[in-house]
Amino acid sequence: IRALELMPHMADMARRSVALNNLSQRIEIIEGDM
């Protein structure tokens, strides 16, 4: 999954949730405009 999020605060928090669940190899959080 590649997941796009505009707001830096939300993207950072989502990225840390992904890392917390050891899913960084399968989920990439990308900061950017939809």
PDB file of all heavy atoms in Angstrom:
ATOM      1  N   ILE A   1       0.841  -1.198   0.000  1.00  0.00           N
ATOM      2  CA  ILE A   1       0.000   0.000   0.000  1.00  0.00           C
ATOM      3  C   ILE A   1       0.875   1.247   0.000  1.00  0.00           C
ATOM      4  O   ILE A   1       1.822   1.348   0.791  1.00  0.00           O
ATOM      5  CB  ILE A   1      -0.924   0.024   1.241  1.00  0.00           C
ATOM      6  CG1 ILE A   1      -1.772  -1.247   1.295  1.00  0.00           C
ATOM      7  CG2 ILE A   1      -1.811   1.259   1.231  1.00  0.00           C
ATOM      8  CD1 ILE A   1      -2.373  -1.529   2.649  1.00  0.00           C
ATOM      9  N   ARG A   2       0.553   2.190  -0.873  1.00  0.00           N
ATOM     10  CA  ARG A   2       1.149   3.527  -0.839  1.00  0.00           C
ATOM     11  C   ARG A   2       0.022   4.487  -0.511  1.00  0.00           C
ATOM     12  O   ARG A   2      -0.972   4.576  -1.245  1.00  0.00           O
ATOM     13  CB  ARG A   2       1.807   3.880  -2.170  1.00  0.00           C
ATOM     14  CG  ARG A   2       2.882   2.890  -2.590  1.00  0.00           C
ATOM     15  CD  ARG A   2       3.632   3.373  -3.818  1.00  0.00           C
ATOM     16  NE  ARG A   2       4.633   4.358  -3.453  1.00  0.00           N
ATOM     17  CZ  ARG A   2       5.190   5.208  -4.320  1.00  0.00           C
ATOM     18  NH1 ARG A   2       4.792   5.222  -5.588  1.00  0.00           N
ATOM     19  NH2 ARG A   2       6.123   6.063  -3.927  1.00  0.00           N
ATOM     20  N   ALA A   3       0.170   5.181   0.607  1.00  0.00           N
ATOM     21  CA  ALA A   3      -0.916   6.011   1.140  1.00  0.00           C
ATOM     22  C   ALA A   3      -0.496   7.475   1.142  1.00  0.00           C
ATOM     23  O   ALA A   3       0.551   7.834   1.693  1.00  0.00           O
ATOM     24  CB  ALA A   3      -1.267   5.555   2.555  1.00  0.00           C
ATOM     25  N   LEU A   4      -1.318   8.314   0.534  1.00  0.00           N
ATOM     26  CA  LEU A   4      -1.011   9.732   0.355  1.00  0.00           C
ATOM     27  C   LEU A   4      -1.757  10.568   1.394  1.00  0.00           C
ATOM     28  O   LEU A   4      -2.940  10.341   1.656  1.00  0.00           O
ATOM     29  CB  LEU A   4      -1.417  10.156  -1.054  1.00  0.00           C
ATOM     30  CG  LEU A   4      -0.956  11.520  -1.562  1.00  0.00           C
ATOM     31  CD1 LEU A   4       0.559  11.597  -1.630  1.00  0.00           C
ATOM     32  CD2 LEU A   4      -1.562  11.788  -2.952  1.00  0.00           C
ATOM     33  N   GLU A   5      -1.052  11.527   1.992  1.00  0.00           N
ATOM     34  CA  GLU A   5      -1.662  12.406   2.992  1.00  0.00           C
ATOM     35  C   GLU A   5      -1.085  13.817   2.860  1.00  0.00           C
ATOM     36  O   GLU A   5       0.131  13.999   2.804  1.00  0.00           O
ATOM     37  CB  GLU A   5      -1.411  11.876   4.412  1.00  0.00           C
ATOM     38  CG  GLU A   5      -1.837  12.781   5.540  1.00  0.00           C
ATOM     39  CD  GLU A   5      -3.301  13.225   5.457  1.00  0.00           C
ATOM     40  OE1 GLU A   5      -4.162  12.384   5.135  1.00  0.00           O
ATOM     41  OE2 GLU A   5      -3.575  14.417   5.709  1.00  0.00           O
ATOM     42  N   LEU A   6      -1.972  14.800   2.812  1.00  0.00           N
ATOM     43  CA  LEU A   6      -1.554  16.191   2.609  1.00  0.00           C
ATOM     44  C   LEU A   6      -0.935  16.812   3.856  1.00  0.00           C
ATOM     45  O   LEU A   6       0.069  17.511   3.780  1.00  0.00           O
ATOM     46  CB  LEU A   6      -2.758  17.027   2.159  1.00  0.00           C
ATOM     47  CG  LEU A   6      -2.536  18.526   1.992  1.00  0.00           C
ATOM     48  CD1 LEU A   6      -1.555  18.801   0.853  1.00  0.00           C
ATOM     49  CD2 LEU A   6      -3.860  19.248   1.731  1.00  0.00           C
ATOM     50  N   MET A   7      -1.528  16.574   5.022  1.00  0.00           N
ATOM     51  CA  MET A   7      -1.134  17.261   6.240  1.00  0.00           C
ATOM     52  C   MET A   7       0.107  16.613   6.871  1.00  0.00           C
ATOM     53  O   MET A   7       0.073  15.428   7.228  1.00  0.00           O
ATOM     54  CB  MET A   7      -2.288  17.265   7.240  1.00  0.00           C
ATOM     55  CG  MET A   7      -3.472  18.094   6.794  1.00  0.00           C
ATOM     56  SD  MET A   7      -3.045  19.853   6.819  1.00  0.00           S
ATOM     57  CE  MET A   7      -3.931  20.439   5.369  1.00  0.00           C
ATOM     58  N   PRO A   8       1.193  17.362   7.050  1.00  0.00           N
ATOM     59  CA  PRO A   8       2.426  16.789   7.607  1.00  0.00           C
ATOM     60  C   PRO A   8       2.227  16.123   8.959  1.00  0.00           C
ATOM     61  O   PRO A   8       2.801  15.054   9.218  1.00  0.00           O
ATOM     62  CB  PRO A   8       3.363  17.998   7.712  1.00  0.00           C
ATOM     63  CG  PRO A   8       2.865  18.959   6.687  1.00  0.00           C
ATOM     64  CD  PRO A   8       1.376  18.772   6.659  1.00  0.00           C
ATOM     65  N   HIS A   9       1.416  16.727   9.839  1.00  0.00           N
ATOM     66  CA  HIS A   9       1.194  16.152  11.171  1.00  0.00           C
ATOM     67  C   HIS A   9       0.544  14.776  11.068  1.00  0.00           C
ATOM     68  O   HIS A   9       0.965  13.825  11.759  1.00  0.00           O
ATOM     69  CB  HIS A   9       0.312  17.088  11.994  1.00  0.00           C
ATOM     70  CG  HIS A   9      -0.029  16.559  13.357  1.00  0.00           C
ATOM     71  ND1 HIS A   9       0.885  16.516  14.385  1.00  0.00           N
ATOM     72  CD2 HIS A   9      -1.175  16.025  13.848  1.00  0.00           C
ATOM     73  CE1 HIS A   9       0.317  15.996  15.456  1.00  0.00           C
ATOM     74  NE2 HIS A   9      -0.933  15.680  15.159  1.00  0.00           N
ATOM     75  N   MET A  10      -0.466  14.640  10.202  1.00  0.00           N
ATOM     76  CA  MET A  10      -1.162  13.367  10.052  1.00  0.00           C
ATOM     77  C   MET A  10      -0.257  12.339   9.368  1.00  0.00           C
ATOM     78  O   MET A  10      -0.243  11.157   9.745  1.00  0.00           O
ATOM     79  CB  MET A  10      -2.451  13.555   9.256  1.00  0.00           C
ATOM     80  CG  MET A  10      -3.439  14.543   9.869  1.00  0.00           C
ATOM     81  SD  MET A  10      -3.942  14.115  11.556  1.00  0.00           S
ATOM     82  CE  MET A  10      -4.852  12.602  11.279  1.00  0.00           C
ATOM     83  N   ALA A  11       0.500  12.773   8.362  1.00  0.00           N
ATOM     84  CA  ALA A  11       1.398  11.853   7.661  1.00  0.00           C
ATOM     85  C   ALA A  11       2.456  11.302   8.608  1.00  0.00           C
ATOM     86  O   ALA A  11       2.760  10.103   8.591  1.00  0.00           O
ATOM     87  CB  ALA A  11       2.059  12.558   6.478  1.00  0.00           C
ATOM     88  N   ASP A  12       3.012  12.159   9.458  1.00  0.00           N
ATOM     89  CA  ASP A  12       4.029  11.717  10.416  1.00  0.00           C
ATOM     90  C   ASP A  12       3.442  10.720  11.409  1.00  0.00           C
ATOM     91  O   ASP A  12       4.062   9.690  11.713  1.00  0.00           O
ATOM     92  CB  ASP A  12       4.599  12.925  11.157  1.00  0.00           C
ATOM     93  CG  ASP A  12       5.535  12.523  12.288  1.00  0.00           C
ATOM     94  OD1 ASP A  12       6.622  11.996  12.004  1.00  0.00           O
ATOM     95  OD2 ASP A  12       5.148  12.703  13.461  1.00  0.00           O
ATOM     96  N   MET A  13       2.247  11.004  11.900  1.00  0.00           N
ATOM     97  CA  MET A  13       1.618  10.109  12.871  1.00  0.00           C
ATOM     98  C   MET A  13       1.290   8.758  12.223  1.00  0.00           C
ATOM     99  O   MET A  13       1.512   7.701  12.831  1.00  0.00           O
ATOM    100  CB  MET A  13       0.345  10.761  13.437  1.00  0.00           C
ATOM    101  CG  MET A  13      -0.293  10.018  14.584  1.00  0.00           C
ATOM    102  SD  MET A  13      -1.458  11.055  15.500  1.00  0.00           S
ATOM    103  CE  MET A  13      -2.504  11.684  14.184  1.00  0.00           C
ATOM    104  N   ALA A  14       0.751   8.778  11.005  1.00  0.00           N
ATOM    105  CA  ALA A  14       0.455   7.528  10.298  1.00  0.00           C
ATOM    106  C   ALA A  14       1.732   6.732  10.051  1.00  0.00           C
ATOM    107  O   ALA A  14       1.754   5.501  10.207  1.00  0.00           O
ATOM    108  CB  ALA A  14      -0.242   7.829   8.972  1.00  0.00           C
ATOM    109  N   ARG A  15       2.800   7.425   9.688  1.00  0.00           N
ATOM    110  CA  ARG A  15       4.079   6.747   9.438  1.00  0.00           C
ATOM    111  C   ARG A  15       4.592   6.059  10.706  1.00  0.00           C
ATOM    112  O   ARG A  15       5.116   4.940  10.650  1.00  0.00           O
ATOM    113  CB  ARG A  15       5.084   7.775   8.927  1.00  0.00           C
ATOM    114  CG  ARG A  15       6.286   7.189   8.226  1.00  0.00           C
ATOM    115  CD  ARG A  15       7.141   8.287   7.625  1.00  0.00           C
ATOM    116  NE  ARG A  15       6.510   8.898   6.461  1.00  0.00           N
ATOM    117  CZ  ARG A  15       6.182  10.184   6.359  1.00  0.00           C
ATOM    118  NH1 ARG A  15       6.388  11.002   7.384  1.00  0.00           N
ATOM    119  NH2 ARG A  15       5.617  10.650   5.267  1.00  0.00           N
ATOM    120  N   ARG A  16       4.423   6.706  11.841  1.00  0.00           N
ATOM    121  CA  ARG A  16       4.863   6.103  13.096  1.00  0.00           C
ATOM    122  C   ARG A  16       3.975   4.925  13.493  1.00  0.00           C
ATOM    123  O   ARG A  16       4.452   3.947  14.076  1.00  0.00           O
ATOM    124  CB  ARG A  16       4.895   7.170  14.201  1.00  0.00           C
ATOM    125  CG  ARG A  16       6.072   8.133  14.040  1.00  0.00           C
ATOM    126  CD  ARG A  16       6.197   9.134  15.161  1.00  0.00           C
ATOM    127  NE  ARG A  16       5.209  10.187  15.089  1.00  0.00           N
ATOM    128  CZ  ARG A  16       4.233  10.385  15.955  1.00  0.00           C
ATOM    129  NH1 ARG A  16       4.095   9.559  16.996  1.00  0.00           N
ATOM    130  NH2 ARG A  16       3.387  11.385  15.823  1.00  0.00           N
ATOM    131  N   SER A  17       2.687   4.972  13.165  1.00  0.00           N
ATOM    132  CA  SER A  17       1.812   3.816  13.410  1.00  0.00           C
ATOM    133  C   SER A  17       2.235   2.628  12.563  1.00  0.00           C
ATOM    134  O   SER A  17       2.230   1.482  13.026  1.00  0.00           O
ATOM    135  CB  SER A  17       0.350   4.174  13.110  1.00  0.00           C
ATOM    136  OG  SER A  17      -0.218   4.963  14.126  1.00  0.00           O
ATOM    137  N   VAL A  18       2.596   2.898  11.314  1.00  0.00           N
ATOM    138  CA  VAL A  18       3.068   1.825  10.435  1.00  0.00           C
ATOM    139  C   VAL A  18       4.326   1.184  11.013  1.00  0.00           C
ATOM    140  O   VAL A  18       4.448  -0.043  11.081  1.00  0.00           O
ATOM    141  CB  VAL A  18       3.329   2.381   9.015  1.00  0.00           C
ATOM    142  CG1 VAL A  18       4.071   1.358   8.154  1.00  0.00           C
ATOM    143  CG2 VAL A  18       2.010   2.774   8.347  1.00  0.00           C
ATOM    144  N   ALA A  19       5.259   2.021  11.469  1.00  0.00           N
ATOM    145  CA  ALA A  19       6.498   1.497  12.048  1.00  0.00           C
ATOM    146  C   ALA A  19       6.224   0.738  13.342  1.00  0.00           C
ATOM    147  O   ALA A  19       6.845  -0.297  13.609  1.00  0.00           O
ATOM    148  CB  ALA A  19       7.472   2.641  12.298  1.00  0.00           C
ATOM    149  N   LEU A  20       5.296   1.245  14.148  1.00  0.00           N
ATOM    150  CA  LEU A  20       4.953   0.602  15.410  1.00  0.00           C
ATOM    151  C   LEU A  20       4.465  -0.830  15.188  1.00  0.00           C
ATOM    152  O   LEU A  20       4.690  -1.721  16.011  1.00  0.00           O
ATOM    153  CB  LEU A  20       3.876   1.420  16.125  1.00  0.00           C
ATOM    154  CG  LEU A  20       3.437   0.968  17.521  1.00  0.00           C
ATOM    155  CD1 LEU A  20       4.587   1.085  18.520  1.00  0.00           C
ATOM    156  CD2 LEU A  20       2.240   1.773  17.990  1.00  0.00           C
ATOM    157  N   ASN A  21       3.796  -1.056  14.044  1.00  0.00           N
ATOM    158  CA  ASN A  21       3.266  -2.381  13.708  1.00  0.00           C
ATOM    159  C   ASN A  21       4.198  -3.192  12.806  1.00  0.00           C
ATOM    160  O   ASN A  21       3.787  -4.237  12.281  1.00  0.00           O
ATOM    161  CB  ASN A  21       1.900  -2.221  13.031  1.00  0.00           C
ATOM    162  CG  ASN A  21       0.828  -1.749  13.990  1.00  0.00           C
ATOM    163  OD1 ASN A  21       0.331  -2.528  14.791  1.00  0.00           O
ATOM    164  ND2 ASN A  21       0.480  -0.468  13.926  1.00  0.00           N
ATOM    165  N   ASN A  22       5.430  -2.693  12.616  1.00  0.00           N
ATOM    166  CA  ASN A  22       6.422  -3.389  11.791  1.00  0.00           C
ATOM    167  C   ASN A  22       5.915  -3.639  10.368  1.00  0.00           C
ATOM    168  O   ASN A  22       6.126  -4.714   9.793  1.00  0.00           O
ATOM    169  CB  ASN A  22       6.829  -4.722  12.446  1.00  0.00           C
ATOM    170  CG  ASN A  22       7.479  -4.525  13.798  1.00  0.00           C
ATOM    171  OD1 ASN A  22       8.363  -3.692  13.953  1.00  0.00           O
ATOM    172  ND2 ASN A  22       7.026  -5.275  14.794  1.00  0.00           N
ATOM    173  N   LEU A  23       5.236  -2.627   9.803  1.00  0.00           N
ATOM    174  CA  LEU A  23       4.663  -2.769   8.460  1.00  0.00           C
ATOM    175  C   LEU A  23       5.302  -1.812   7.443  1.00  0.00           C
ATOM    176  O   LEU A  23       4.761  -1.625   6.346  1.00  0.00           O
ATOM    177  CB  LEU A  23       3.150  -2.528   8.510  1.00  0.00           C
ATOM    178  CG  LEU A  23       2.324  -3.651   9.151  1.00  0.00           C
ATOM    179  CD1 LEU A  23       0.888  -3.189   9.409  1.00  0.00           C
ATOM    180  CD2 LEU A  23       2.340  -4.901   8.288  1.00  0.00           C
ATOM    181  N   SER A  24       6.445  -1.233   7.788  1.00  0.00           N
ATOM    182  CA  SER A  24       7.067  -0.247   6.903  1.00  0.00           C
ATOM    183  C   SER A  24       7.498  -0.839   5.564  1.00  0.00           C
ATOM    184  O   SER A  24       7.656  -0.107   4.586  1.00  0.00           O
ATOM    185  CB  SER A  24       8.275   0.388   7.595  1.00  0.00           C
ATOM    186  OG  SER A  24       7.877   1.071   8.762  1.00  0.00           O
ATOM    187  N   GLN A  25       7.711  -2.143   5.492  1.00  0.00           N
ATOM    188  CA  GLN A  25       8.088  -2.778   4.219  1.00  0.00           C
ATOM    189  C   GLN A  25       6.891  -2.939   3.293  1.00  0.00           C
ATOM    190  O   GLN A  25       7.053  -3.164   2.092  1.00  0.00           O
ATOM    191  CB  GLN A  25       8.697  -4.164   4.491  1.00  0.00           C
ATOM    192  CG  GLN A  25       9.882  -4.144   5.409  1.00  0.00           C
ATOM    193  CD  GLN A  25      11.170  -4.573   4.711  1.00  0.00           C
ATOM    194  OE1 GLN A  25      11.143  -5.328   3.759  1.00  0.00           O
ATOM    195  NE2 GLN A  25      12.278  -4.081   5.191  1.00  0.00           N
ATOM    196  N   ARG A  26       5.666  -2.808   3.846  1.00  0.00           N
ATOM    197  CA  ARG A  26       4.464  -3.027   3.027  1.00  0.00           C
ATOM    198  C   ARG A  26       3.601  -1.787   2.884  1.00  0.00           C
ATOM    199  O   ARG A  26       2.812  -1.687   1.944  1.00  0.00           O
ATOM    200  CB  ARG A  26       3.615  -4.152   3.647  1.00  0.00           C
ATOM    201  CG  ARG A  26       4.335  -5.513   3.599  1.00  0.00           C
ATOM    202  CD  ARG A  26       3.481  -6.593   4.225  1.00  0.00           C
ATOM    203  NE  ARG A  26       2.136  -6.545   3.693  1.00  0.00           N
ATOM    204  CZ  ARG A  26       1.044  -6.799   4.413  1.00  0.00           C
ATOM    205  NH1 ARG A  26       1.140  -7.121   5.684  1.00  0.00           N
ATOM    206  NH2 ARG A  26      -0.153  -6.738   3.845  1.00  0.00           N
ATOM    207  N   ILE A  27       3.703  -0.854   3.822  1.00  0.00           N
ATOM    208  CA  ILE A  27       2.922   0.382   3.755  1.00  0.00           C
ATOM    209  C   ILE A  27       3.878   1.569   3.710  1.00  0.00           C
ATOM    210  O   ILE A  27       4.727   1.728   4.588  1.00  0.00           O
ATOM    211  CB  ILE A  27       1.991   0.537   4.969  1.00  0.00           C
ATOM    212  CG1 ILE A  27       1.024  -0.642   5.088  1.00  0.00           C
ATOM    213  CG2 ILE A  27       1.215   1.850   4.875  1.00  0.00           C
ATOM    214  CD1 ILE A  27       0.158  -0.592   6.344  1.00  0.00           C
ATOM    215  N   GLU A  28       3.721   2.398   2.689  1.00  0.00           N
ATOM    216  CA  GLU A  28       4.519   3.616   2.575  1.00  0.00           C
ATOM    217  C   GLU A  28       3.588   4.823   2.682  1.00  0.00           C
ATOM    218  O   GLU A  28       2.623   4.945   1.922  1.00  0.00           O
ATOM    219  CB  GLU A  28       5.261   3.652   1.242  1.00  0.00           C
ATOM    220  CG  GLU A  28       6.147   4.877   1.077  1.00  0.00           C
ATOM    221  CD  GLU A  28       6.837   4.939  -0.278  1.00  0.00           C
ATOM    222  OE1 GLU A  28       6.546   4.078  -1.131  1.00  0.00           O
ATOM    223  OE2 GLU A  28       7.647   5.860  -0.477  1.00  0.00           O
ATOM    224  N   ILE A  29       3.864   5.693   3.641  1.00  0.00           N
ATOM    225  CA  ILE A  29       3.093   6.926   3.808  1.00  0.00           C
ATOM    226  C   ILE A  29       3.827   8.040   3.081  1.00  0.00           C
ATOM    227  O   ILE A  29       4.997   8.314   3.357  1.00  0.00           O
ATOM    228  CB  ILE A  29       2.918   7.285   5.297  1.00  0.00           C
ATOM    229  CG1 ILE A  29       2.308   6.109   6.081  1.00  0.00           C
ATOM    230  CG2 ILE A  29       2.065   8.541   5.433  1.00  0.00           C
ATOM    231  CD1 ILE A  29       0.914   5.730   5.678  1.00  0.00           C
ATOM    232  N   ILE A  30       3.135   8.676   2.153  1.00  0.00           N
ATOM    233  CA  ILE A  30       3.737   9.723   1.329  1.00  0.00           C
ATOM    234  C   ILE A  30       3.003  11.033   1.584  1.00  0.00           C
ATOM    235  O   ILE A  30       1.771  11.084   1.515  1.00  0.00           O
ATOM    236  CB  ILE A  30       3.660   9.347  -0.161  1.00  0.00           C
ATOM    237  CG1 ILE A  30       4.443   8.052  -0.406  1.00  0.00           C
ATOM    238  CG2 ILE A  30       4.183  10.479  -1.046  1.00  0.00           C
ATOM    239  CD1 ILE A  30       4.151   7.396  -1.714  1.00  0.00           C
ATOM    240  N   GLU A  31       3.759  12.072   1.883  1.00  0.00           N
ATOM    241  CA  GLU A  31       3.162  13.384   2.118  1.00  0.00           C
ATOM    242  C   GLU A  31       3.009  14.103   0.784  1.00  0.00           C
ATOM    243  O   GLU A  31       3.976  14.256   0.042  1.00  0.00           O
ATOM    244  CB  GLU A  31       4.052  14.186   3.065  1.00  0.00           C
ATOM    245  CG  GLU A  31       3.467  15.502   3.515  1.00  0.00           C
ATOM    246  CD  GLU A  31       4.419  16.270   4.422  1.00  0.00           C
ATOM    247  OE1 GLU A  31       5.079  15.625   5.262  1.00  0.00           O
ATOM    248  OE2 GLU A  31       4.506  17.499   4.266  1.00  0.00           O
ATOM    249  N   GLY A  32       1.775  14.527   0.473  1.00  0.00           N
ATOM    250  CA  GLY A  32       1.574  15.199  -0.793  1.00  0.00           C
ATOM    251  C   GLY A  32       0.114  15.502  -1.066  1.00  0.00           C
ATOM    252  O   GLY A  32      -0.779  15.066  -0.343  1.00  0.00           O
ATOM    253  N   ASP A  33      -0.121  16.225  -2.144  1.00  0.00           N
ATOM    254  CA  ASP A  33      -1.445  16.716  -2.533  1.00  0.00           C
ATOM    255  C   ASP A  33      -2.183  15.639  -3.334  1.00  0.00           C
ATOM    256  O   ASP A  33      -1.649  15.115  -4.318  1.00  0.00           O
ATOM    257  CB  ASP A  33      -1.265  17.975  -3.376  1.00  0.00           C
ATOM    258  CG  ASP A  33      -2.545  18.757  -3.581  1.00  0.00           C
ATOM    259  OD1 ASP A  33      -3.628  18.137  -3.648  1.00  0.00           O
ATOM    260  OD2 ASP A  33      -2.474  19.991  -3.698  1.00  0.00           O
ATOM    261  N   MET A  34      -3.425  15.321  -2.931  1.00  0.00           N
ATOM    262  CA  MET A  34      -4.216  14.327  -3.665  1.00  0.00           C
ATOM    263  C   MET A  34      -4.467  14.752  -5.104  1.00  0.00           C
ATOM    264  O   MET A  34      -4.667  13.909  -5.969  1.00  0.00           O
ATOM    265  CB  MET A  34      -5.547  14.071  -2.959  1.00  0.00           C
ATOM    266  CG  MET A  34      -5.434  13.270  -1.691  1.00  0.00           C
ATOM    267  SD  MET A  34      -7.015  12.577  -1.142  1.00  0.00           S
ATOM    268  CE  MET A  34      -7.969  14.060  -0.801  1.00  0.00           C
TER     269      MET A  34
END
